[in-house]
C-alpha cells in the first residue's frame, strides 16, 4: 500500500513538471514588431539654401558729368543695359536728386553721332534736366535696366562757376552801330594834337612870308 502511494506521488510530480514545461513553452514572449516609418522620412541636418543669381553691375556714363550751379542744364545719361530675352523692352530708368524728373533710357540709334558711349552696343540713353536751384555738391545717378533688373551708378558734380582769368577784360569791346560808331570813327580819324600844332605853325609862317613879300614889292 505504501509503495502504491509513492508511485502515485511520483507520477503526480512528473505530471506537474510536464505541465509546467508545456505552459512555459506556450507562454514564451514574442518579439514586438518594429514599426516601419510611413511616408517621407524626417530630414536630417540643416537644409541648404539654394543660391540666387547675382545681378550684374552695368556701366553708366554722363555727358557732361559736371554742370554749373545756378544754371538750368541738360545731361545725357548712357547705360550699358543688356538686351533682355523673352519679350521685355530694351529700356532703362535713371533717377537722381539732381534731376527734375526720372528719365527713361531708350536704345541708342546706330546712326546717332552724339553722344556716343565708350564701348559698343547695347546701350540705352536719355536726357536729364538739372534745375538751377540745385546746390553745389556731388549727386548719385542710379540706373536700372527695365528688362533684366541690372543696376549701375555714376556721379554728377554740380560746381560753382569758374572765375575769369585776371588778364581778360570785364567789358566787351566797342561794337559798331548807332551813334557810337560815328563817335568812334571821329576819335580814330582825328589828327593828334602835336601834328596839328606843327601844321598850324607852318601855315602861319607861310602867311607871314607872303605878307612880307607883298610889302617889299609895294
C-alpha atoms as a PDB file:
ATOM      1  CA  UNK A   1       0.000   0.000   0.000  1.00  0.00           C
ATOM      2  CA  UNK A   2       2.809   2.335   0.835  1.00  0.00           C
ATOM      3  CA  UNK A   3       4.534   1.566  -2.430  1.00  0.00           C
ATOM      4  CA  UNK A   4       1.406   2.370  -4.367  1.00  0.00           C
ATOM      5  CA  UNK A   5       1.222   5.812  -2.740  1.00  0.00           C
ATOM      6  CA  UNK A   6       4.840   6.517  -3.531  1.00  0.00           C
ATOM      7  CA  UNK A   7       4.276   5.574  -7.166  1.00  0.00           C
ATOM      8  CA  UNK A   8       1.195   7.766  -7.277  1.00  0.00           C
ATOM      9  CA  UNK A   9       3.082  10.696  -5.768  1.00  0.00           C
ATOM     10  CA  UNK A  10       5.944  10.221  -8.205  1.00  0.00           C
ATOM     11  CA  UNK A  11       3.518  10.158 -11.116  1.00  0.00           C
ATOM     12  CA  UNK A  12       1.847  13.299  -9.858  1.00  0.00           C
ATOM     13  CA  UNK A  13       5.203  15.079  -9.643  1.00  0.00           C
ATOM     14  CA  UNK A  14       6.093  14.044 -13.162  1.00  0.00           C
ATOM     15  CA  UNK A  15       2.749  15.276 -14.466  1.00  0.00           C
ATOM     16  CA  UNK A  16       3.149  18.614 -12.724  1.00  0.00           C
ATOM     17  CA  UNK A  17       6.622  19.002 -14.227  1.00  0.00           C
ATOM     18  CA  UNK A  18       5.418  18.213 -17.729  1.00  0.00           C
ATOM     19  CA  UNK A  19       2.513  20.646 -17.366  1.00  0.00           C
ATOM     20  CA  UNK A  20       4.847  23.414 -16.242  1.00  0.00           C
ATOM     21  CA  UNK A  21       7.215  22.850 -19.162  1.00  0.00           C
ATOM     22  CA  UNK A  22       4.394  22.946 -21.693  1.00  0.00           C
ATOM     23  CA  UNK A  23       2.987  26.071 -20.109  1.00  0.00           C
ATOM     24  CA  UNK A  24       6.406  27.670 -20.209  1.00  0.00           C
ATOM     25  CA  UNK A  25       6.809  26.753 -23.848  1.00  0.00           C
ATOM     26  CA  UNK A  26       3.420  28.183 -24.747  1.00  0.00           C
ATOM     27  CA  UNK A  27       3.964  31.395 -22.795  1.00  0.00           C
ATOM     28  CA  UNK A  28       7.291  32.344 -24.420  1.00  0.00           C
ATOM     29  CA  UNK A  29       7.115  36.077 -25.216  1.00  0.00           C
ATOM     30  CA  UNK A  30       7.059  37.045 -28.855  1.00  0.00           C
ATOM     31  CA  UNK A  31       9.204  39.862 -30.082  1.00  0.00           C
ATOM     32  CA  UNK A  32       7.476  43.181 -30.564  1.00  0.00           C
ATOM     33  CA  UNK A  33       7.298  44.006 -34.269  1.00  0.00           C
ATOM     34  CA  UNK A  34       9.343  47.098 -35.201  1.00  0.00           C
ATOM     35  CA  UNK A  35       7.103  49.723 -36.747  1.00  0.00           C
ATOM     36  CA  UNK A  36       8.147  50.808 -40.187  1.00  0.00           C
ATOM     37  CA  UNK A  37       8.303  54.557 -40.959  1.00  0.00           C
ATOM     38  CA  UNK A  38       5.450  55.625 -43.127  1.00  0.00           C
ATOM     39  CA  UNK A  39       5.639  58.424 -45.690  1.00  0.00           C
ATOM     40  CA  UNK A  40       8.745  60.571 -46.121  1.00  0.00           C
ATOM     41  CA  UNK A  41      11.487  60.219 -43.582  1.00  0.00           C
ATOM     42  CA  UNK A  42      12.283  63.279 -41.484  1.00  0.00           C
ATOM     43  CA  UNK A  43      15.175  65.276 -42.945  1.00  0.00           C
ATOM     44  CA  UNK A  44      18.429  65.123 -41.093  1.00  0.00           C
ATOM     45  CA  UNK A  45      20.657  68.196 -40.670  1.00  0.00           C
ATOM     46  CA  UNK A  46      20.003  71.790 -41.722  1.00  0.00           C
ATOM     47  CA  UNK A  47      18.630  72.308 -45.246  1.00  0.00           C
ATOM     48  CA  UNK A  48      20.976  74.108 -47.645  1.00  0.00           C
ATOM     49  CA  UNK A  49      19.554  77.302 -49.205  1.00  0.00           C
ATOM     50  CA  UNK A  50      19.505  77.457 -52.979  1.00  0.00           C
ATOM     51  CA  UNK A  51      21.886  80.180 -54.176  1.00  0.00           C
ATOM     52  CA  UNK A  52      20.312  83.040 -56.132  1.00  0.00           C
ATOM     53  CA  UNK A  53      21.856  84.582 -59.222  1.00  0.00           C
ATOM     54  CA  UNK A  54      23.611  87.899 -58.572  1.00  0.00           C
ATOM     55  CA  UNK A  55      22.808  90.979 -60.649  1.00  0.00           C
ATOM     56  CA  UNK A  56      25.466  92.279 -62.965  1.00  0.00           C
ATOM     57  CA  UNK A  57      26.749  95.808 -62.423  1.00  0.00           C
ATOM     58  CA  UNK A  58      26.422  97.824 -65.633  1.00  0.00           C
ATOM     59  CA  UNK A  59      28.469 100.783 -66.846  1.00  0.00           C
ATOM     60  CA  UNK A  60      26.860 104.235 -66.600  1.00  0.00           C
ATOM     61  CA  UNK A  61      28.235 107.401 -68.254  1.00  0.00           C
ATOM     62  CA  UNK A  62      27.204 111.061 -68.003  1.00  0.00           C
ATOM     63  CA  UNK A  63      27.779 113.609 -70.740  1.00  0.00           C
ATOM     64  CA  UNK A  64      28.728 116.046 -69.305  1.00  0.00           C
ATOM     65  CA  UNK A  65      29.449 114.795 -65.794  1.00  0.00           C
ATOM     66  CA  UNK A  66      29.841 118.339 -64.414  1.00  0.00           C
ATOM     67  CA  UNK A  67      27.387 121.276 -64.566  1.00  0.00           C
ATOM     68  CA  UNK A  68      27.364 124.820 -63.183  1.00  0.00           C
ATOM     69  CA  UNK A  69      25.303 125.624 -60.112  1.00  0.00           C
ATOM     70  CA  UNK A  70      22.602 128.245 -60.604  1.00  0.00           C
ATOM     71  CA  UNK A  71      22.064 127.369 -64.276  1.00  0.00           C
ATOM     72  CA  UNK A  72      19.474 125.092 -65.862  1.00  0.00           C
ATOM     73  CA  UNK A  73      21.435 122.329 -67.595  1.00  0.00           C
ATOM     74  CA  UNK A  74      20.843 119.101 -69.511  1.00  0.00           C
ATOM     75  CA  UNK A  75      22.874 115.914 -69.133  1.00  0.00           C
ATOM     76  CA  UNK A  76      22.860 112.757 -71.242  1.00  0.00           C
ATOM     77  CA  UNK A  77      22.683 109.519 -69.234  1.00  0.00           C
ATOM     78  CA  UNK A  78      24.061 106.432 -71.015  1.00  0.00           C
ATOM     79  CA  UNK A  79      23.845 102.891 -69.606  1.00  0.00           C
ATOM     80  CA  UNK A  80      25.148  99.574 -70.956  1.00  0.00           C
ATOM     81  CA  UNK A  81      21.933  97.595 -70.375  1.00  0.00           C
ATOM     82  CA  UNK A  82      21.945  94.077 -71.893  1.00  0.00           C
ATOM     83  CA  UNK A  83      19.244  93.160 -74.394  1.00  0.00           C
ATOM     84  CA  UNK A  84      16.579  91.188 -72.466  1.00  0.00           C
ATOM     85  CA  UNK A  85      15.190  87.864 -73.702  1.00  0.00           C
ATOM     86  CA  UNK A  86      11.566  86.816 -73.614  1.00  0.00           C
ATOM     87  CA  UNK A  87       9.858  89.989 -74.726  1.00  0.00           C
ATOM     88  CA  UNK A  88      10.682  92.842 -72.300  1.00  0.00           C
ATOM     89  CA  UNK A  89      11.616  96.136 -73.920  1.00  0.00           C
ATOM     90  CA  UNK A  90      15.263  97.175 -74.054  1.00  0.00           C
ATOM     91  CA  UNK A  91      14.900 100.258 -71.859  1.00  0.00           C
ATOM     92  CA  UNK A  92      16.163 101.658 -68.572  1.00  0.00           C
ATOM     93  CA  UNK A  93      15.324 104.243 -65.927  1.00  0.00           C
ATOM     94  CA  UNK A  94      17.679 106.853 -64.396  1.00  0.00           C
ATOM     95  CA  UNK A  95      16.942 108.699 -61.157  1.00  0.00           C
ATOM     96  CA  UNK A  96      18.843 111.295 -59.102  1.00  0.00           C
ATOM     97  CA  UNK A  97      18.147 114.004 -56.549  1.00  0.00           C
ATOM     98  CA  UNK A  98      19.682 116.454 -59.007  1.00  0.00           C
ATOM     99  CA  UNK A  99      17.148 115.619 -61.765  1.00  0.00           C
ATOM    100  CA  UNK A 100      13.873 117.447 -62.181  1.00  0.00           C
ATOM    101  CA  UNK A 101      12.186 114.109 -63.033  1.00  0.00           C
ATOM    102  CA  UNK A 102      13.120 110.484 -63.608  1.00  0.00           C
ATOM    103  CA  UNK A 103      14.489 109.778 -67.088  1.00  0.00           C
ATOM    104  CA  UNK A 104      13.535 106.928 -69.434  1.00  0.00           C
ATOM    105  CA  UNK A 105      16.510 105.463 -71.304  1.00  0.00           C
ATOM    106  CA  UNK A 106      15.910 104.140 -74.834  1.00  0.00           C
ATOM    107  CA  UNK A 107      18.261 102.269 -77.199  1.00  0.00           C
ATOM    108  CA  UNK A 108      20.929 104.431 -78.831  1.00  0.00           C
ATOM    109  CA  UNK A 109      20.260 104.675 -82.595  1.00  0.00           C
ATOM    110  CA  UNK A 110      23.032 103.272 -84.770  1.00  0.00           C
ATOM    111  CA  UNK A 111      23.116 106.493 -86.806  1.00  0.00           C
ATOM    112  CA  UNK A 112      23.482 108.709 -83.744  1.00  0.00           C
ATOM    113  CA  UNK A 113      26.522 110.974 -83.876  1.00  0.00           C
ATOM    114  CA  UNK A 114      26.499 112.301 -80.315  1.00  0.00           C
ATOM    115  CA  UNK A 115      26.766 111.444 -77.570  1.00  0.00           C
ATOM    116  CA  UNK A 116      28.499 108.121 -78.187  1.00  0.00           C
ATOM    117  CA  UNK A 117      29.185 105.588 -75.427  1.00  0.00           C
ATOM    118  CA  UNK A 118      32.740 104.439 -74.762  1.00  0.00           C
ATOM    119  CA  UNK A 119      32.009 100.827 -75.751  1.00  0.00           C
ATOM    120  CA  UNK A 120      29.899  99.037 -78.320  1.00  0.00           C
ATOM    121  CA  UNK A 121      26.226  98.162 -78.222  1.00  0.00           C
ATOM    122  CA  UNK A 122      23.940  97.545 -76.464  1.00  0.00           C
ATOM    123  CA  UNK A 123      23.460 100.936 -74.817  1.00  0.00           C
ATOM    124  CA  UNK A 124      20.445 102.987 -73.802  1.00  0.00           C
ATOM    125  CA  UNK A 125      20.352 106.727 -73.205  1.00  0.00           C
ATOM    126  CA  UNK A 126      18.129 109.592 -72.103  1.00  0.00           C
ATOM    127  CA  UNK A 127      18.391 113.339 -71.460  1.00  0.00           C
ATOM    128  CA  UNK A 128      18.007 114.599 -67.904  1.00  0.00           C
ATOM    129  CA  UNK A 129      17.272 118.186 -66.838  1.00  0.00           C
ATOM    130  CA  UNK A 130      19.020 119.762 -63.844  1.00  0.00           C
ATOM    131  CA  UNK A 131      17.320 122.758 -62.252  1.00  0.00           C
ATOM    132  CA  UNK A 132      19.220 125.940 -61.473  1.00  0.00           C
ATOM    133  CA  UNK A 133      18.107 125.640 -57.844  1.00  0.00           C
ATOM    134  CA  UNK A 134      20.228 122.532 -57.239  1.00  0.00           C
ATOM    135  CA  UNK A 135      23.001 123.311 -54.780  1.00  0.00           C
ATOM    136  CA  UNK A 136      26.666 122.600 -55.243  1.00  0.00           C
ATOM    137  CA  UNK A 137      27.899 119.092 -54.488  1.00  0.00           C
ATOM    138  CA  UNK A 138      28.138 115.537 -55.830  1.00  0.00           C
ATOM    139  CA  UNK A 139      24.916 113.711 -56.723  1.00  0.00           C
ATOM    140  CA  UNK A 140      24.472 109.971 -57.308  1.00  0.00           C
ATOM    141  CA  UNK A 141      22.742 108.874 -60.505  1.00  0.00           C
ATOM    142  CA  UNK A 142      21.153 105.405 -60.261  1.00  0.00           C
ATOM    143  CA  UNK A 143      20.190 103.392 -63.346  1.00  0.00           C
ATOM    144  CA  UNK A 144      18.053 100.251 -63.530  1.00  0.00           C
ATOM    145  CA  UNK A 145      17.639  98.151 -66.678  1.00  0.00           C
ATOM    146  CA  UNK A 146      13.904  97.520 -67.008  1.00  0.00           C
ATOM    147  CA  UNK A 147      14.178  94.169 -68.797  1.00  0.00           C
ATOM    148  CA  UNK A 148      16.900  92.481 -66.711  1.00  0.00           C
ATOM    149  CA  UNK A 149      16.871  94.439 -63.423  1.00  0.00           C
ATOM    150  CA  UNK A 150      20.633  95.064 -63.712  1.00  0.00           C
ATOM    151  CA  UNK A 151      21.857  98.108 -61.805  1.00  0.00           C
ATOM    152  CA  UNK A 152      24.509 100.776 -62.324  1.00  0.00           C
ATOM    153  CA  UNK A 153      25.635 104.087 -60.863  1.00  0.00           C
ATOM    154  CA  UNK A 154      27.501 107.294 -61.757  1.00  0.00           C
ATOM    155  CA  UNK A 155      28.272 110.627 -60.049  1.00  0.00           C
ATOM    156  CA  UNK A 156      27.218 114.091 -61.238  1.00  0.00           C
ATOM    157  CA  UNK A 157      29.084 117.144 -59.973  1.00  0.00           C
ATOM    158  CA  UNK A 158      27.326 120.498 -59.535  1.00  0.00           C
ATOM    159  CA  UNK A 159      30.062 123.122 -59.132  1.00  0.00           C
ATOM    160  CA  UNK A 160      30.313 126.898 -58.890  1.00  0.00           C
ATOM    161  CA  UNK A 161      31.022 128.988 -61.974  1.00  0.00           C
ATOM    162  CA  UNK A 162      34.722 129.358 -62.780  1.00  0.00           C
ATOM    163  CA  UNK A 163      36.239 132.804 -62.258  1.00  0.00           C
ATOM    164  CA  UNK A 164      37.588 134.663 -65.317  1.00  0.00           C
ATOM    165  CA  UNK A 165      41.383 134.977 -65.681  1.00  0.00           C
ATOM    166  CA  UNK A 166      42.894 138.218 -64.407  1.00  0.00           C
ATOM    167  CA  UNK A 167      44.052 139.365 -67.896  1.00  0.00           C
ATOM    168  CA  UNK A 168      40.624 139.133 -69.532  1.00  0.00           C
ATOM    169  CA  UNK A 169      38.700 142.489 -69.661  1.00  0.00           C
ATOM    170  CA  UNK A 170      35.396 142.504 -67.900  1.00  0.00           C
ATOM    171  CA  UNK A 171      33.712 144.731 -70.549  1.00  0.00           C
ATOM    172  CA  UNK A 172      33.077 143.782 -74.135  1.00  0.00           C
ATOM    173  CA  UNK A 173      34.962 145.665 -76.883  1.00  0.00           C
ATOM    174  CA  UNK A 174      33.205 148.546 -78.642  1.00  0.00           C
ATOM    175  CA  UNK A 175      30.923 147.442 -81.405  1.00  0.00           C
ATOM    176  CA  UNK A 176      29.764 149.390 -84.416  1.00  0.00           C
ATOM    177  CA  UNK A 177      26.265 150.653 -84.950  1.00  0.00           C
ATOM    178  CA  UNK A 178      24.202 153.584 -83.821  1.00  0.00           C
ATOM    179  CA  UNK A 179      25.668 156.829 -82.537  1.00  0.00           C
ATOM    180  CA  UNK A 180      28.742 155.165 -81.006  1.00  0.00           C
ATOM    181  CA  UNK A 181      30.047 154.187 -84.430  1.00  0.00           C
ATOM    182  CA  UNK A 182      30.339 157.839 -85.575  1.00  0.00           C
ATOM    183  CA  UNK A 183      31.917 158.793 -82.279  1.00  0.00           C
ATOM    184  CA  UNK A 184      34.478 156.019 -82.519  1.00  0.00           C
ATOM    185  CA  UNK A 185      35.240 156.919 -86.140  1.00  0.00           C
ATOM    186  CA  UNK A 186      35.842 160.528 -85.184  1.00  0.00           C
ATOM    187  CA  UNK A 187      38.118 159.509 -82.357  1.00  0.00           C
ATOM    188  CA  UNK A 188      40.131 157.176 -84.561  1.00  0.00           C
ATOM    189  CA  UNK A 189      40.355 159.559 -87.581  1.00  0.00           C
ATOM    190  CA  UNK A 190      41.141 162.741 -85.624  1.00  0.00           C
ATOM    191  CA  UNK A 191      44.669 164.224 -86.041  1.00  0.00           C
ATOM    192  CA  UNK A 192      46.832 164.160 -82.928  1.00  0.00           C
ATOM    193  CA  UNK A 193      47.367 167.482 -81.187  1.00  0.00           C
ATOM    194  CA  UNK A 194      51.107 167.543 -81.820  1.00  0.00           C
ATOM    195  CA  UNK A 195      50.773 167.145 -85.583  1.00  0.00           C
ATOM    196  CA  UNK A 196      48.028 169.763 -85.733  1.00  0.00           C
ATOM    197  CA  UNK A 197      50.237 172.287 -83.948  1.00  0.00           C
ATOM    198  CA  UNK A 198      53.083 171.771 -86.426  1.00  0.00           C
ATOM    199  CA  UNK A 199      50.780 172.258 -89.398  1.00  0.00           C
ATOM    200  CA  UNK A 200      49.302 175.404 -87.884  1.00  0.00           C
ATOM    201  CA  UNK A 201      52.797 176.830 -87.319  1.00  0.00           C
ATOM    202  CA  UNK A 202      53.830 176.156 -90.932  1.00  0.00           C
ATOM    203  CA  UNK A 203      50.689 177.808 -92.216  1.00  0.00           C
ATOM    204  CA  UNK A 204      51.295 180.824 -90.035  1.00  0.00           C
ATOM    205  CA  UNK A 205      54.930 181.118 -91.197  1.00  0.00           C
ATOM    206  CA  UNK A 206      53.879 180.869 -94.841  1.00  0.00           C
ATOM    207  CA  UNK A 207      51.301 183.598 -94.331  1.00  0.00           C
ATOM    208  CA  UNK A 208      53.893 185.871 -92.731  1.00  0.00           C
ATOM    209  CA  UNK A 209      56.328 185.267 -95.590  1.00  0.00           C
ATOM    210  CA  UNK A 210      53.740 186.147 -98.226  1.00  0.00           C
ATOM    211  CA  UNK A 211      52.826 189.320 -96.366  1.00  0.00           C
ATOM    212  CA  UNK A 212      56.488 190.403 -96.193  1.00  0.00           C
ATOM    213  CA  UNK A 213      56.983 189.833 -99.927  1.00  0.00           C
ATOM    214  CA  UNK A 214      53.938 191.899-100.814  1.00  0.00           C
ATOM    215  CA  UNK A 215      55.124 194.716 -98.578  1.00  0.00           C
ATOM    216  CA  UNK A 216      58.570 194.776-100.197  1.00  0.00           C
ATOM    217  CA  UNK A 217      57.039 194.975-103.661  1.00  0.00           C
ATOM    218  CA  UNK A 218      54.944 197.851-102.588  1.00  0.00           C
END
